[in-house]
Amino acid sequence: MMNSNKVRQIVLYKNYFKEFYGKQNQNVKDKITWTLRLIETQQRVSEEYLKHIEGTDGLYEIRVQSGGNIFRIFCFFDEGKLIVLANGFQKKTRKTPQNQIHKAQRIKQEYEQEHANKPSAS
């Protein structure tokens, strides 16, 4: 049984993740939701579910498997515990496609530029 106390807050940035999520069937949506809840509530998350992408500056992929299908959802941390979900895609090859990584990096930069201009909420 998963602990319901959150150790991380997951935040969606714009509509990138929602667009991906909305295109999935109910089984995939359920598995994505289960995986996100695991990431929110577990202090230590296995690389089976959350893994840093080598060669990137703080980009991670949430790894979801539903049946024979593999999905990846890009994310990054902000202020320690916050995960911001970027784009997602269905993985059809062994390596994560560079164009998907580049897209996630662009979203991360866009997010960082927007948040660098905002005064802190203290």
Protein backbone atom coordinates (compact mmCIF):
# COMPACT_ATOMS: atom_id res chain seq x y z
CA MET A 1 0.00 0.00 0.00
CA MET A 2 1.42 3.35 -1.00
CA ASN A 3 1.82 6.03 1.61
CA SER A 4 -0.61 8.86 0.82
CA ASN A 5 1.72 11.54 2.20
CA LYS A 6 3.22 13.45 -0.69
CA VAL A 7 6.97 14.00 -0.70
CA ARG A 8 6.80 15.73 -4.09
CA GLN A 9 4.26 17.92 -5.75
CA ILE A 10 3.69 17.30 -9.45
CA VAL A 11 2.82 20.35 -11.48
CA LEU A 12 1.74 20.54 -15.10
CA TYR A 13 3.30 23.24 -17.26
CA LYS A 14 0.95 24.70 -19.87
CA ASN A 15 -0.84 22.05 -21.98
CA TYR A 16 2.12 19.93 -23.09
CA PHE A 17 1.36 16.98 -20.84
CA LYS A 18 -2.45 17.34 -21.04
CA GLU A 19 -2.37 17.04 -24.84
CA PHE A 20 -0.34 13.82 -24.63
CA TYR A 21 -2.46 12.40 -21.79
CA GLY A 22 -5.74 13.19 -23.54
CA LYS A 23 -4.78 11.04 -26.54
CA GLN A 24 -4.22 7.87 -24.47
CA ASN A 25 -6.71 5.07 -23.84
CA GLN A 26 -8.07 4.49 -20.33
CA ASN A 27 -5.60 1.68 -19.48
CA VAL A 28 -2.65 3.92 -20.34
CA LYS A 29 -4.17 6.86 -18.42
CA ASP A 30 -4.64 4.62 -15.37
CA LYS A 31 -1.02 3.45 -15.54
CA ILE A 32 0.25 7.02 -15.95
CA THR A 33 -1.83 8.12 -12.94
CA TRP A 34 -0.54 5.17 -10.87
CA THR A 35 3.08 6.01 -11.81
CA LEU A 36 2.66 9.72 -11.00
CA ARG A 37 1.16 8.85 -7.62
CA LEU A 38 4.13 6.57 -6.91
CA ILE A 39 6.54 9.41 -7.75
CA GLU A 40 4.58 11.85 -5.57
CA THR A 41 4.55 9.63 -2.51
CA GLN A 42 7.80 7.64 -2.48
CA GLN A 43 10.95 9.17 -0.98
CA ARG A 44 13.15 7.07 -3.26
CA VAL A 45 11.84 6.31 -6.73
CA SER A 46 13.31 3.43 -8.72
CA GLU A 47 14.92 4.18 -12.10
CA GLU A 48 12.28 1.82 -13.46
CA TYR A 49 9.86 4.76 -13.06
CA LEU A 50 11.99 7.94 -13.02
CA LYS A 51 15.38 8.27 -14.66
CA HIS A 52 17.74 11.14 -15.43
CA ILE A 53 18.41 11.48 -19.16
CA GLU A 54 22.14 11.32 -19.77
CA GLY A 55 23.69 14.34 -21.43
CA THR A 56 20.93 16.74 -20.33
CA ASP A 57 20.83 19.48 -17.75
CA GLY A 58 18.35 18.12 -15.23
CA LEU A 59 15.90 16.47 -17.60
CA TYR A 60 14.22 13.28 -16.38
CA GLU A 61 11.86 10.82 -17.96
CA ILE A 62 8.92 9.22 -16.21
CA ARG A 63 8.75 5.68 -17.52
CA VAL A 64 5.34 4.10 -18.01
CA GLN A 65 4.67 0.66 -19.41
CA SER A 66 1.14 -0.46 -20.27
CA GLY A 67 0.80 -3.84 -21.90
CA GLY A 68 3.45 -4.00 -24.61
CA ASN A 69 3.56 -0.22 -24.99
CA ILE A 70 6.20 2.01 -23.47
CA PHE A 71 5.61 5.69 -22.81
CA ARG A 72 7.94 8.44 -21.66
CA ILE A 73 6.95 11.71 -20.01
CA PHE A 74 9.64 14.33 -19.63
CA CYS A 75 9.94 16.30 -16.44
CA PHE A 76 12.35 18.35 -14.37
CA PHE A 77 12.60 19.56 -10.82
CA ASP A 78 12.00 23.10 -9.64
CA GLU A 79 12.80 24.27 -6.13
CA GLY A 80 13.71 20.81 -4.93
CA LYS A 81 10.49 18.87 -4.73
CA LEU A 82 8.45 20.17 -7.64
CA ILE A 83 8.24 18.10 -10.78
CA VAL A 84 7.03 19.94 -13.84
CA LEU A 85 5.67 17.66 -16.53
CA ALA A 86 6.63 18.53 -20.06
CA ASN A 87 5.90 16.54 -23.21
CA GLY A 88 5.22 12.82 -23.47
CA PHE A 89 5.36 10.27 -26.27
CA GLN A 90 5.01 6.58 -27.02
CA LYS A 91 8.42 4.97 -27.27
CA LYS A 92 8.85 2.73 -30.32
CA THR A 93 12.64 2.43 -30.44
CA ARG A 94 15.29 1.40 -27.91
CA LYS A 95 16.76 4.88 -27.61
CA THR A 96 14.75 7.95 -26.69
CA PRO A 97 14.49 10.01 -29.91
CA GLN A 98 16.68 13.13 -29.89
CA ASN A 99 13.86 15.28 -31.27
CA GLN A 100 11.73 14.42 -28.20
CA ILE A 101 14.62 15.28 -25.86
CA HIS A 102 15.18 18.58 -27.70
CA LYS A 103 11.47 19.40 -27.41
CA ALA A 104 11.58 18.73 -23.65
CA GLN A 105 14.70 20.89 -23.29
CA ARG A 106 12.94 23.75 -25.12
CA ILE A 107 9.94 23.44 -22.77
CA LYS A 108 12.27 23.43 -19.74
CA GLN A 109 14.04 26.59 -21.01
CA GLU A 110 10.69 28.26 -21.68
CA TYR A 111 9.58 27.40 -18.13
CA GLU A 112 12.82 28.65 -16.58
CA GLN A 113 12.70 31.94 -18.52
CA GLU A 114 9.09 32.54 -17.44
CA HIS A 115 9.86 31.77 -13.80
CA ALA A 116 13.09 33.76 -13.71
CA ASN A 117 11.03 36.90 -14.40
CA LYS A 118 8.50 36.31 -11.63
CA PRO A 119 9.04 37.69 -8.13
CA SER A 120 9.28 34.99 -5.49
CA ALA A 121 6.12 34.32 -3.51
CA SER A 122 7.60 35.08 -0.09
